[in-house]
């Protein structure tokens, strides 16, 4: 099984392994990056410093936290963490992804 997501940004890479509960952040070093492993590389644009961090991911039950937050919003008459509009838009994106998968025929 593999449950990973990789995010690429102009000056960084973020890898998250949901199954192993691990994360890795590789980016151009910033002044605030004081407690991270870093090294220098030479590029055609000069020397760059790369910083590598492995943030600690605390074990949590995401479904339980979501349900507790939802129940709390109902009991206290407060806004939910995710708005109705954001939830609707997320469902629209999921539907578009499913439509794209179903419309693409790939021979394996």
PDB file of N, CA and C in Angstrom:
ATOM      1  N   UNK A   1       0.841  -1.189   0.000  1.00  0.00           N
ATOM      2  CA  UNK A   1       0.000   0.000   0.000  1.00  0.00           C
ATOM      3  C   UNK A   1       0.877   1.241   0.000  1.00  0.00           C
ATOM      4  N   UNK A   2       0.409   2.240  -0.682  1.00  0.00           N
ATOM      5  CA  UNK A   2       1.121   3.513  -0.683  1.00  0.00           C
ATOM      6  C   UNK A   2       0.088   4.637  -0.643  1.00  0.00           C
ATOM      7  N   UNK A   3       0.249   5.523   0.320  1.00  0.00           N
ATOM      8  CA  UNK A   3      -0.638   6.687   0.447  1.00  0.00           C
ATOM      9  C   UNK A   3       0.234   7.906   0.646  1.00  0.00           C
ATOM     10  N   UNK A   4       0.698   8.451  -0.473  1.00  0.00           N
ATOM     11  CA  UNK A   4       1.614   9.583  -0.417  1.00  0.00           C
ATOM     12  C   UNK A   4       1.102  10.714  -1.287  1.00  0.00           C
ATOM     13  N   UNK A   5       1.509  11.900  -0.911  1.00  0.00           N
ATOM     14  CA  UNK A   5       1.251  13.064  -1.752  1.00  0.00           C
ATOM     15  C   UNK A   5       2.558  13.834  -1.836  1.00  0.00           C
ATOM     16  N   UNK A   6       2.822  14.341  -3.025  1.00  0.00           N
ATOM     17  CA  UNK A   6       4.024  15.141  -3.235  1.00  0.00           C
ATOM     18  C   UNK A   6       3.586  16.494  -3.774  1.00  0.00           C
ATOM     19  N   UNK A   7       4.041  17.545  -3.109  1.00  0.00           N
ATOM     20  CA  UNK A   7       3.684  18.904  -3.504  1.00  0.00           C
ATOM     21  C   UNK A   7       4.942  19.618  -3.969  1.00  0.00           C
ATOM     22  N   UNK A   8       4.877  20.207  -5.144  1.00  0.00           N
ATOM     23  CA  UNK A   8       6.009  20.929  -5.694  1.00  0.00           C
ATOM     24  C   UNK A   8       5.678  22.411  -5.747  1.00  0.00           C
ATOM     25  N   UNK A   9       6.538  23.211  -5.173  1.00  0.00           N
ATOM     26  CA  UNK A   9       6.404  24.661  -5.158  1.00  0.00           C
ATOM     27  C   UNK A   9       7.627  25.246  -5.862  1.00  0.00           C
ATOM     28  N   UNK A  10       7.601  26.539  -6.210  1.00  0.00           N
ATOM     29  CA  UNK A  10       8.760  27.110  -6.908  1.00  0.00           C
ATOM     30  C   UNK A  10      10.089  26.902  -6.178  1.00  0.00           C
ATOM     31  N   UNK A  11      10.106  26.988  -4.867  1.00  0.00           N
ATOM     32  CA  UNK A  11      11.359  26.848  -4.125  1.00  0.00           C
ATOM     33  C   UNK A  11      11.330  25.741  -3.083  1.00  0.00           C
ATOM     34  N   UNK A  12      10.396  24.794  -3.239  1.00  0.00           N
ATOM     35  CA  UNK A  12      10.333  23.735  -2.234  1.00  0.00           C
ATOM     36  C   UNK A  12       9.624  22.491  -2.758  1.00  0.00           C
ATOM     37  N   UNK A  13       9.854  21.408  -2.037  1.00  0.00           N
ATOM     38  CA  UNK A  13       9.206  20.124  -2.285  1.00  0.00           C
ATOM     39  C   UNK A  13       8.716  19.616  -0.931  1.00  0.00           C
ATOM     40  N   UNK A  14       7.482  19.137  -0.894  1.00  0.00           N
ATOM     41  CA  UNK A  14       6.920  18.583   0.336  1.00  0.00           C
ATOM     42  C   UNK A  14       6.405  17.186   0.014  1.00  0.00           C
ATOM     43  N   UNK A  15       6.890  16.212   0.748  1.00  0.00           N
ATOM     44  CA  UNK A  15       6.429  14.840   0.595  1.00  0.00           C
ATOM     45  C   UNK A  15       5.763  14.396   1.883  1.00  0.00           C
ATOM     46  N   UNK A  16       4.545  13.872   1.771  1.00  0.00           N
ATOM     47  CA  UNK A  16       3.809  13.404   2.948  1.00  0.00           C
ATOM     48  C   UNK A  16       3.413  11.953   2.716  1.00  0.00           C
ATOM     49  N   UNK A  17       3.773  11.093   3.650  1.00  0.00           N
ATOM     50  CA  UNK A  17       3.409   9.685   3.612  1.00  0.00           C
ATOM     51  C   UNK A  17       2.354   9.467   4.695  1.00  0.00           C
ATOM     52  N   UNK A  18       1.102   9.351   4.274  1.00  0.00           N
ATOM     53  CA  UNK A  18      -0.001   9.222   5.222  1.00  0.00           C
ATOM     54  C   UNK A  18      -0.009   7.858   5.906  1.00  0.00           C
ATOM     55  N   UNK A  19       0.477   6.836   5.232  1.00  0.00           N
ATOM     56  CA  UNK A  19       0.495   5.498   5.806  1.00  0.00           C
ATOM     57  C   UNK A  19       1.558   5.368   6.895  1.00  0.00           C
ATOM     58  N   UNK A  20       2.748   5.886   6.626  1.00  0.00           N
ATOM     59  CA  UNK A  20       3.858   5.803   7.581  1.00  0.00           C
ATOM     60  C   UNK A  20       3.895   6.979   8.556  1.00  0.00           C
ATOM     61  N   UNK A  21       3.022   7.961   8.354  1.00  0.00           N
ATOM     62  CA  UNK A  21       2.966   9.161   9.210  1.00  0.00           C
ATOM     63  C   UNK A  21       4.306   9.896   9.228  1.00  0.00           C
ATOM     64  N   UNK A  22       4.831  10.158   8.024  1.00  0.00           N
ATOM     65  CA  UNK A  22       6.103  10.861   7.892  1.00  0.00           C
ATOM     66  C   UNK A  22       5.953  11.994   6.888  1.00  0.00           C
ATOM     67  N   UNK A  23       6.777  13.020   7.075  1.00  0.00           N
ATOM     68  CA  UNK A  23       6.788  14.148   6.146  1.00  0.00           C
ATOM     69  C   UNK A  23       8.223  14.598   5.930  1.00  0.00           C
ATOM     70  N   UNK A  24       8.464  15.148   4.744  1.00  0.00           N
ATOM     71  CA  UNK A  24       9.781  15.680   4.418  1.00  0.00           C
ATOM     72  C   UNK A  24       9.582  16.992   3.673  1.00  0.00           C
ATOM     73  N   UNK A  25      10.309  18.015   4.096  1.00  0.00           N
ATOM     74  CA  UNK A  25      10.242  19.318   3.450  1.00  0.00           C
ATOM     75  C   UNK A  25      11.650  19.671   2.989  1.00  0.00           C
ATOM     76  N   UNK A  26      11.790  19.875   1.688  1.00  0.00           N
ATOM     77  CA  UNK A  26      13.073  20.270   1.110  1.00  0.00           C
ATOM     78  C   UNK A  26      12.849  21.613   0.442  1.00  0.00           C
ATOM     79  N   UNK A  27      13.643  22.617   0.831  1.00  0.00           N
ATOM     80  CA  UNK A  27      13.430  23.954   0.276  1.00  0.00           C
ATOM     81  C   UNK A  27      14.712  24.765   0.317  1.00  0.00           C
ATOM     82  N   UNK A  28      14.670  25.881  -0.393  1.00  0.00           N
ATOM     83  CA  UNK A  28      15.777  26.820  -0.281  1.00  0.00           C
ATOM     84  C   UNK A  28      15.769  27.376   1.132  1.00  0.00           C
ATOM     85  N   UNK A  29      16.920  27.384   1.761  1.00  0.00           N
ATOM     86  CA  UNK A  29      17.009  27.793   3.162  1.00  0.00           C
ATOM     87  C   UNK A  29      16.671  29.267   3.324  1.00  0.00           C
ATOM     88  N   UNK A  30      15.899  29.547   4.371  1.00  0.00           N
ATOM     89  CA  UNK A  30      15.516  30.903   4.743  1.00  0.00           C
ATOM     90  C   UNK A  30      16.218  31.265   6.046  1.00  0.00           C
ATOM     91  N   UNK A  31      16.337  32.555   6.354  1.00  0.00           N
ATOM     92  CA  UNK A  31      16.996  32.949   7.612  1.00  0.00           C
ATOM     93  C   UNK A  31      16.374  32.314   8.855  1.00  0.00           C
ATOM     94  N   UNK A  32      15.063  32.077   8.832  1.00  0.00           N
ATOM     95  CA  UNK A  32      14.402  31.500  10.010  1.00  0.00           C
ATOM     96  C   UNK A  32      14.640  29.992  10.150  1.00  0.00           C
ATOM     97  N   UNK A  33      15.229  29.361   9.139  1.00  0.00           N
ATOM     98  CA  UNK A  33      15.509  27.926   9.188  1.00  0.00           C
ATOM     99  C   UNK A  33      16.808  27.673   9.951  1.00  0.00           C
ATOM    100  N   UNK A  34      16.729  27.684  11.277  1.00  0.00           N
ATOM    101  CA  UNK A  34      17.950  27.568  12.081  1.00  0.00           C
ATOM    102  C   UNK A  34      18.232  26.148  12.551  1.00  0.00           C
ATOM    103  N   UNK A  35      17.212  25.355  12.804  1.00  0.00           N
ATOM    104  CA  UNK A  35      17.421  24.014  13.356  1.00  0.00           C
ATOM    105  C   UNK A  35      17.125  22.914  12.342  1.00  0.00           C
ATOM    106  N   UNK A  36      17.593  23.090  11.119  1.00  0.00           N
ATOM    107  CA  UNK A  36      17.372  22.084  10.087  1.00  0.00           C
ATOM    108  C   UNK A  36      18.708  21.701   9.461  1.00  0.00           C
ATOM    109  N   UNK A  37      18.746  20.482   8.923  1.00  0.00           N
ATOM    110  CA  UNK A  37      19.922  20.048   8.182  1.00  0.00           C
ATOM    111  C   UNK A  37      19.958  20.828   6.874  1.00  0.00           C
ATOM    112  N   UNK A  38      21.121  21.333   6.505  1.00  0.00           N
ATOM    113  CA  UNK A  38      21.227  22.080   5.249  1.00  0.00           C
ATOM    114  C   UNK A  38      22.588  21.839   4.619  1.00  0.00           C
ATOM    115  N   UNK A  39      22.645  22.093   3.324  1.00  0.00           N
ATOM    116  CA  UNK A  39      23.898  21.970   2.587  1.00  0.00           C
ATOM    117  C   UNK A  39      23.858  22.914   1.393  1.00  0.00           C
ATOM    118  N   UNK A  40      25.041  23.254   0.880  1.00  0.00           N
ATOM    119  CA  UNK A  40      25.154  24.178  -0.247  1.00  0.00           C
ATOM    120  C   UNK A  40      25.313  23.404  -1.545  1.00  0.00           C
ATOM    121  N   UNK A  41      24.731  23.963  -2.614  1.00  0.00           N
ATOM    122  CA  UNK A  41      24.939  23.427  -3.956  1.00  0.00           C
ATOM    123  C   UNK A  41      25.258  24.586  -4.887  1.00  0.00           C
ATOM    124  N   UNK A  42      26.023  24.312  -5.920  1.00  0.00           N
ATOM    125  CA  UNK A  42      26.320  25.316  -6.937  1.00  0.00           C
ATOM    126  C   UNK A  42      25.345  25.149  -8.084  1.00  0.00           C
ATOM    127  N   UNK A  43      24.716  26.249  -8.488  1.00  0.00           N
ATOM    128  CA  UNK A  43      23.792  26.234  -9.614  1.00  0.00           C
ATOM    129  C   UNK A  43      24.258  27.249 -10.640  1.00  0.00           C
ATOM    130  N   UNK A  44      23.595  27.272 -11.787  1.00  0.00           N
ATOM    131  CA  UNK A  44      23.940  28.271 -12.799  1.00  0.00           C
ATOM    132  C   UNK A  44      23.581  29.681 -12.333  1.00  0.00           C
ATOM    133  N   UNK A  45      22.792  29.791 -11.261  1.00  0.00           N
ATOM    134  CA  UNK A  45      22.446  31.094 -10.676  1.00  0.00           C
ATOM    135  C   UNK A  45      23.245  31.384  -9.409  1.00  0.00           C
ATOM    136  N   UNK A  46      24.327  30.652  -9.194  1.00  0.00           N
ATOM    137  CA  UNK A  46      25.131  30.866  -7.997  1.00  0.00           C
ATOM    138  C   UNK A  46      24.881  29.800  -6.953  1.00  0.00           C
ATOM    139  N   UNK A  47      25.444  30.007  -5.791  1.00  0.00           N
ATOM    140  CA  UNK A  47      25.338  29.033  -4.701  1.00  0.00           C
ATOM    141  C   UNK A  47      23.982  29.162  -4.005  1.00  0.00           C
ATOM    142  N   UNK A  48      23.374  28.013  -3.741  1.00  0.00           N
ATOM    143  CA  UNK A  48      22.097  27.957  -3.022  1.00  0.00           C
ATOM    144  C   UNK A  48      22.266  27.044  -1.815  1.00  0.00           C
ATOM    145  N   UNK A  49      21.537  27.333  -0.762  1.00  0.00           N
ATOM    146  CA  UNK A  49      21.546  26.480   0.422  1.00  0.00           C
ATOM    147  C   UNK A  49      20.212  25.757   0.506  1.00  0.00           C
ATOM    148  N   UNK A  50      20.284  24.443   0.566  1.00  0.00           N
ATOM    149  CA  UNK A  50      19.100  23.602   0.633  1.00  0.00           C
ATOM    150  C   UNK A  50      18.885  23.178   2.085  1.00  0.00           C
ATOM    151  N   UNK A  51      17.665  23.306   2.565  1.00  0.00           N
ATOM    152  CA  UNK A  51      17.308  22.899   3.929  1.00  0.00           C
ATOM    153  C   UNK A  51      16.370  21.699   3.856  1.00  0.00           C
ATOM    154  N   UNK A  52      16.627  20.725   4.709  1.00  0.00           N
ATOM    155  CA  UNK A  52      15.786  19.528   4.762  1.00  0.00           C
ATOM    156  C   UNK A  52      15.242  19.381   6.179  1.00  0.00           C
ATOM    157  N   UNK A  53      13.933  19.249   6.277  1.00  0.00           N
ATOM    158  CA  UNK A  53      13.289  19.084   7.582  1.00  0.00           C
ATOM    159  C   UNK A  53      12.332  17.901   7.523  1.00  0.00           C
ATOM    160  N   UNK A  54      12.202  17.229   8.635  1.00  0.00           N
ATOM    161  CA  UNK A  54      11.250  16.135   8.781  1.00  0.00           C
ATOM    162  C   UNK A  54      10.341  16.452   9.958  1.00  0.00           C
ATOM    163  N   UNK A  55       9.260  17.215   9.696  1.00  0.00           N
ATOM    164  CA  UNK A  55       8.361  17.595  10.789  1.00  0.00           C
ATOM    165  C   UNK A  55       7.768  16.365  11.481  1.00  0.00           C
ATOM    166  N   UNK A  56       7.578  16.482  12.770  1.00  0.00           N
ATOM    167  CA  UNK A  56       6.970  15.399  13.548  1.00  0.00           C
ATOM    168  C   UNK A  56       5.461  15.444  13.339  1.00  0.00           C
ATOM    169  N   UNK A  57       4.904  14.307  13.021  1.00  0.00           N
ATOM    170  CA  UNK A  57       3.458  14.202  12.839  1.00  0.00           C
ATOM    171  C   UNK A  57       2.902  13.435  14.032  1.00  0.00           C
ATOM    172  N   UNK A  58       2.118  14.119  14.834  1.00  0.00           N
ATOM    173  CA  UNK A  58       1.522  13.490  16.016  1.00  0.00           C
ATOM    174  C   UNK A  58       0.418  12.534  15.575  1.00  0.00           C
ATOM    175  N   UNK A  59       0.391  11.334  16.132  1.00  0.00           N
ATOM    176  CA  UNK A  59      -0.665  10.387  15.758  1.00  0.00           C
ATOM    177  C   UNK A  59      -2.036  10.898  16.200  1.00  0.00           C
ATOM    178  N   UNK A  60      -2.973  10.889  15.270  1.00  0.00           N
ATOM    179  CA  UNK A  60      -4.335  11.353  15.546  1.00  0.00           C
ATOM    180  C   UNK A  60      -5.316  10.533  14.728  1.00  0.00           C
ATOM    181  N   UNK A  61      -6.533  10.475  15.184  1.00  0.00           N
ATOM    182  CA  UNK A  61      -7.605   9.856  14.431  1.00  0.00           C
ATOM    183  C   UNK A  61      -8.357  10.990  13.738  1.00  0.00           C
ATOM    184  N   UNK A  62      -8.061  11.198  12.457  1.00  0.00           N
ATOM    185  CA  UNK A  62      -8.603  12.342  11.725  1.00  0.00           C
ATOM    186  C   UNK A  62     -10.130  12.328  11.668  1.00  0.00           C
ATOM    187  N   UNK A  63     -10.720  11.161  11.430  1.00  0.00           N
ATOM    188  CA  UNK A  63     -12.184  11.077  11.354  1.00  0.00           C
ATOM    189  C   UNK A  63     -12.806  11.471  12.696  1.00  0.00           C
ATOM    190  N   UNK A  64     -12.232  10.955  13.783  1.00  0.00           N
ATOM    191  CA  UNK A  64     -12.749  11.280  15.117  1.00  0.00           C
ATOM    192  C   UNK A  64     -12.659  12.783  15.379  1.00  0.00           C
ATOM    193  N   UNK A  65     -11.521  13.395  15.032  1.00  0.00           N
ATOM    194  CA  UNK A  65     -11.359  14.839  15.238  1.00  0.00           C
ATOM    195  C   UNK A  65     -12.373  15.640  14.424  1.00  0.00           C
ATOM    196  N   UNK A  66     -12.603  15.219  13.173  1.00  0.00           N
ATOM    197  CA  UNK A  66     -13.582  15.915  12.332  1.00  0.00           C
ATOM    198  C   UNK A  66     -14.982  15.817  12.928  1.00  0.00           C
ATOM    199  N   UNK A  67     -15.351  14.621  13.374  1.00  0.00           N
ATOM    200  CA  UNK A  67     -16.686  14.438  13.958  1.00  0.00           C
ATOM    201  C   UNK A  67     -16.845  15.222  15.256  1.00  0.00           C
ATOM    202  N   UNK A  68     -15.814  15.215  16.103  1.00  0.00           N
ATOM    203  CA  UNK A  68     -15.875  15.993  17.347  1.00  0.00           C
ATOM    204  C   UNK A  68     -16.012  17.482  17.053  1.00  0.00           C
ATOM    205  N   UNK A  69     -15.285  17.956  16.053  1.00  0.00           N
ATOM    206  CA  UNK A  69     -15.371  19.369  15.682  1.00  0.00           C
ATOM    207  C   UNK A  69     -16.769  19.711  15.169  1.00  0.00           C
ATOM    208  N   UNK A  70     -17.347  18.800  14.372  1.00  0.00           N
ATOM    209  CA  UNK A  70     -18.685  19.021  13.825  1.00  0.00           C
ATOM    210  C   UNK A  70     -19.726  19.046  14.946  1.00  0.00           C
ATOM    211  N   UNK A  71     -19.637  18.082  15.861  1.00  0.00           N
ATOM    212  CA  UNK A  71     -20.577  18.032  16.993  1.00  0.00           C
ATOM    213  C   UNK A  71     -20.442  19.293  17.840  1.00  0.00           C
ATOM    214  N   UNK A  72     -19.212  19.725  18.087  1.00  0.00           N
ATOM    215  CA  UNK A  72     -18.977  20.939  18.873  1.00  0.00           C
ATOM    216  C   UNK A  72     -19.603  22.161  18.194  1.00  0.00           C
ATOM    217  N   UNK A  73     -19.488  22.241  16.875  1.00  0.00           N
ATOM    218  CA  UNK A  73     -20.084  23.368  16.151  1.00  0.00           C
ATOM    219  C   UNK A  73     -21.599  23.374  16.316  1.00  0.00           C
ATOM    220  N   UNK A  74     -22.201  22.191  16.309  1.00  0.00           N
ATOM    221  CA  UNK A  74     -23.655  22.102  16.491  1.00  0.00           C
ATOM    222  C   UNK A  74     -24.044  22.499  17.914  1.00  0.00           C
ATOM    223  N   UNK A  75     -23.340  21.941  18.898  1.00  0.00           N
ATOM    224  CA  UNK A  75     -23.688  22.194  20.299  1.00  0.00           C
ATOM    225  C   UNK A  75     -23.465  23.643  20.720  1.00  0.00           C
ATOM    226  N   UNK A  76     -22.477  24.284  20.145  1.00  0.00           N
ATOM    227  CA  UNK A  76     -22.155  25.663  20.538  1.00  0.00           C
ATOM    228  C   UNK A  76     -22.658  26.691  19.532  1.00  0.00           C
ATOM    229  N   UNK A  77     -23.354  26.203  18.503  1.00  0.00           N
ATOM    230  CA  UNK A  77     -23.873  27.086  17.458  1.00  0.00           C
ATOM    231  C   UNK A  77     -22.758  27.975  16.881  1.00  0.00           C
ATOM    232  N   UNK A  78     -21.600  27.353  16.647  1.00  0.00           N
ATOM    233  CA  UNK A  78     -20.464  28.082  16.080  1.00  0.00           C
ATOM    234  C   UNK A  78     -20.182  27.567  14.668  1.00  0.00           C
ATOM    235  N   UNK A  79     -19.435  28.327  13.892  1.00  0.00           N
ATOM    236  CA  UNK A  79     -19.149  27.896  12.515  1.00  0.00           C
ATOM    237  C   UNK A  79     -18.323  26.607  12.487  1.00  0.00           C
ATOM    238  N   UNK A  80     -18.566  25.809  11.469  1.00  0.00           N
ATOM    239  CA  UNK A  80     -17.756  24.609  11.274  1.00  0.00           C
ATOM    240  C   UNK A  80     -16.389  25.014  10.739  1.00  0.00           C
ATOM    241  N   UNK A  81     -15.403  24.136  10.920  1.00  0.00           N
ATOM    242  CA  UNK A  81     -14.049  24.426  10.443  1.00  0.00           C
ATOM    243  C   UNK A  81     -14.057  24.587   8.926  1.00  0.00           C
ATOM    244  N   UNK A  82     -14.791  23.710   8.256  1.00  0.00           N
ATOM    245  CA  UNK A  82     -14.935  23.788   6.799  1.00  0.00           C
ATOM    246  C   UNK A  82     -16.339  24.300   6.510  1.00  0.00           C
ATOM    247  N   UNK A  83     -16.415  25.388   5.770  1.00  0.00           N
ATOM    248  CA  UNK A  83     -17.727  25.978   5.478  1.00  0.00           C
ATOM    249  C   UNK A  83     -18.517  25.097   4.513  1.00  0.00           C
ATOM    250  N   UNK A  84     -19.813  25.351   4.440  1.00  0.00           N
ATOM    251  CA  UNK A  84     -20.664  24.616   3.515  1.00  0.00           C
ATOM    252  C   UNK A  84     -20.187  24.814   2.087  1.00  0.00           C
ATOM    253  N   UNK A  85     -19.797  26.035   1.748  1.00  0.00           N
ATOM    254  CA  UNK A  85     -19.330  26.325   0.391  1.00  0.00           C
ATOM    255  C   UNK A  85     -18.048  25.557   0.086  1.00  0.00           C
ATOM    256  N   UNK A  86     -17.106  25.552   1.025  1.00  0.00           N
ATOM    257  CA  UNK A  86     -15.860  24.815   0.807  1.00  0.00           C
ATOM    258  C   UNK A  86     -16.124  23.317   0.647  1.00  0.00           C
ATOM    259  N   UNK A  87     -17.034  22.784   1.438  1.00  0.00           N
ATOM    260  CA  UNK A  87     -17.397  21.376   1.311  1.00  0.00           C
ATOM    261  C   UNK A  87     -18.009  21.085  -0.042  1.00  0.00           C
ATOM    262  N   UNK A  88     -18.904  21.960  -0.489  1.00  0.00           N
ATOM    263  CA  UNK A  88     -19.536  21.803  -1.797  1.00  0.00           C
ATOM    264  C   UNK A  88     -18.497  21.863  -2.906  1.00  0.00           C
ATOM    265  N   UNK A  89     -17.578  22.829  -2.831  1.00  0.00           N
ATOM    266  CA  UNK A  89     -16.543  22.965  -3.862  1.00  0.00           C
ATOM    267  C   UNK A  89     -15.619  21.747  -3.883  1.00  0.00           C
ATOM    268  N   UNK A  90     -15.314  21.193  -2.715  1.00  0.00           N
ATOM    269  CA  UNK A  90     -14.487  19.985  -2.657  1.00  0.00           C
ATOM    270  C   UNK A  90     -15.201  18.818  -3.334  1.00  0.00           C
ATOM    271  N   UNK A  91     -16.512  18.708  -3.117  1.00  0.00           N
ATOM    272  CA  UNK A  91     -17.283  17.648  -3.767  1.00  0.00           C
ATOM    273  C   UNK A  91     -17.324  17.845  -5.276  1.00  0.00           C
ATOM    274  N   UNK A  92     -17.404  19.088  -5.724  1.00  0.00           N
ATOM    275  CA  UNK A  92     -17.375  19.361  -7.164  1.00  0.00           C
ATOM    276  C   UNK A  92     -16.056  18.917  -7.781  1.00  0.00           C
ATOM    277  N   UNK A  93     -14.954  19.222  -7.113  1.00  0.00           N
ATOM    278  CA  UNK A  93     -13.638  18.806  -7.610  1.00  0.00           C
ATOM    279  C   UNK A  93     -13.552  17.282  -7.658  1.00  0.00           C
ATOM    280  N   UNK A  94     -14.024  16.617  -6.602  1.00  0.00           N
ATOM    281  CA  UNK A  94     -14.007  15.151  -6.573  1.00  0.00           C
ATOM    282  C   UNK A  94     -14.833  14.589  -7.727  1.00  0.00           C
ATOM    283  N   UNK A  95     -15.980  15.194  -7.998  1.00  0.00           N
ATOM    284  CA  UNK A  95     -16.832  14.752  -9.102  1.00  0.00           C
ATOM    285  C   UNK A  95     -16.126  14.947 -10.442  1.00  0.00           C
ATOM    286  N   UNK A  96     -15.454  16.076 -10.629  1.00  0.00           N
ATOM    287  CA  UNK A  96     -14.710  16.319 -11.868  1.00  0.00           C
ATOM    288  C   UNK A  96     -13.598  15.293 -12.057  1.00  0.00           C
ATOM    289  N   UNK A  97     -12.928  14.932 -10.969  1.00  0.00           N
ATOM    290  CA  UNK A  97     -11.868  13.921 -11.046  1.00  0.00           C
ATOM    291  C   UNK A  97     -12.457  12.577 -11.470  1.00  0.00           C
ATOM    292  N   UNK A  98     -13.582  12.193 -10.857  1.00  0.00           N
ATOM    293  CA  UNK A  98     -14.225  10.932 -11.224  1.00  0.00           C
ATOM    294  C   UNK A  98     -14.667  10.937 -12.678  1.00  0.00           C
ATOM    295  N   UNK A  99     -15.231  12.049 -13.143  1.00  0.00           N
ATOM    296  CA  UNK A  99     -15.636  12.148 -14.545  1.00  0.00           C
ATOM    297  C   UNK A  99     -14.443  11.985 -15.473  1.00  0.00           C
ATOM    298  N   UNK A 100     -13.327  12.600 -15.135  1.00  0.00           N
ATOM    299  CA  UNK A 100     -12.122  12.506 -15.956  1.00  0.00           C
ATOM    300  C   UNK A 100     -11.605  11.069 -15.978  1.00  0.00           C
ATOM    301  N   UNK A 101     -11.602  10.416 -14.820  1.00  0.00           N
ATOM    302  CA  UNK A 101     -11.152   9.021 -14.755  1.00  0.00           C
ATOM    303  C   UNK A 101     -12.047   8.142 -15.617  1.00  0.00           C
ATOM    304  N   UNK A 102     -13.354   8.329 -15.516  1.00  0.00           N
ATOM    305  CA  UNK A 102     -14.301   7.507 -16.266  1.00  0.00           C
ATOM    306  C   UNK A 102     -14.276   7.780 -17.761  1.00  0.00           C
ATOM    307  N   UNK A 103     -13.868   8.981 -18.171  1.00  0.00           N
ATOM    308  CA  UNK A 103     -13.857   9.316 -19.597  1.00  0.00           C
ATOM    309  C   UNK A 103     -12.538   8.950 -20.271  1.00  0.00           C
ATOM    310  N   UNK A 104     -11.555   8.558 -19.500  1.00  0.00           N
ATOM    311  CA  UNK A 104     -10.248   8.217 -20.048  1.00  0.00           C
ATOM    312  C   UNK A 104     -10.104   6.710 -20.087  1.00  0.00           C
ATOM    313  N   UNK A 105      -9.907   6.187 -21.284  1.00  0.00           N
ATOM    314  CA  UNK A 105      -9.706   4.737 -21.392  1.00  0.00           C
ATOM    315  C   UNK A 105      -8.215   4.469 -21.560  1.00  0.00           C
ATOM    316  N   UNK A 106      -7.682   3.740 -20.611  1.00  0.00           N
ATOM    317  CA  UNK A 106      -6.264   3.399 -20.628  1.00  0.00           C
ATOM    318  C   UNK A 106      -6.142   1.886 -20.743  1.00  0.00           C
ATOM    319  N   UNK A 107      -5.367   1.444 -21.704  1.00  0.00           N
ATOM    320  CA  UNK A 107      -5.123   0.017 -21.853  1.00  0.00           C
ATOM    321  C   UNK A 107      -3.908  -0.358 -21.030  1.00  0.00           C
ATOM    322  N   UNK A 108      -4.090  -1.335 -20.167  1.00  0.00           N
ATOM    323  CA  UNK A 108      -2.973  -1.779 -19.322  1.00  0.00           C
ATOM    324  C   UNK A 108      -2.566  -3.170 -19.716  1.00  0.00           C
TER     325      UNK A 108
END
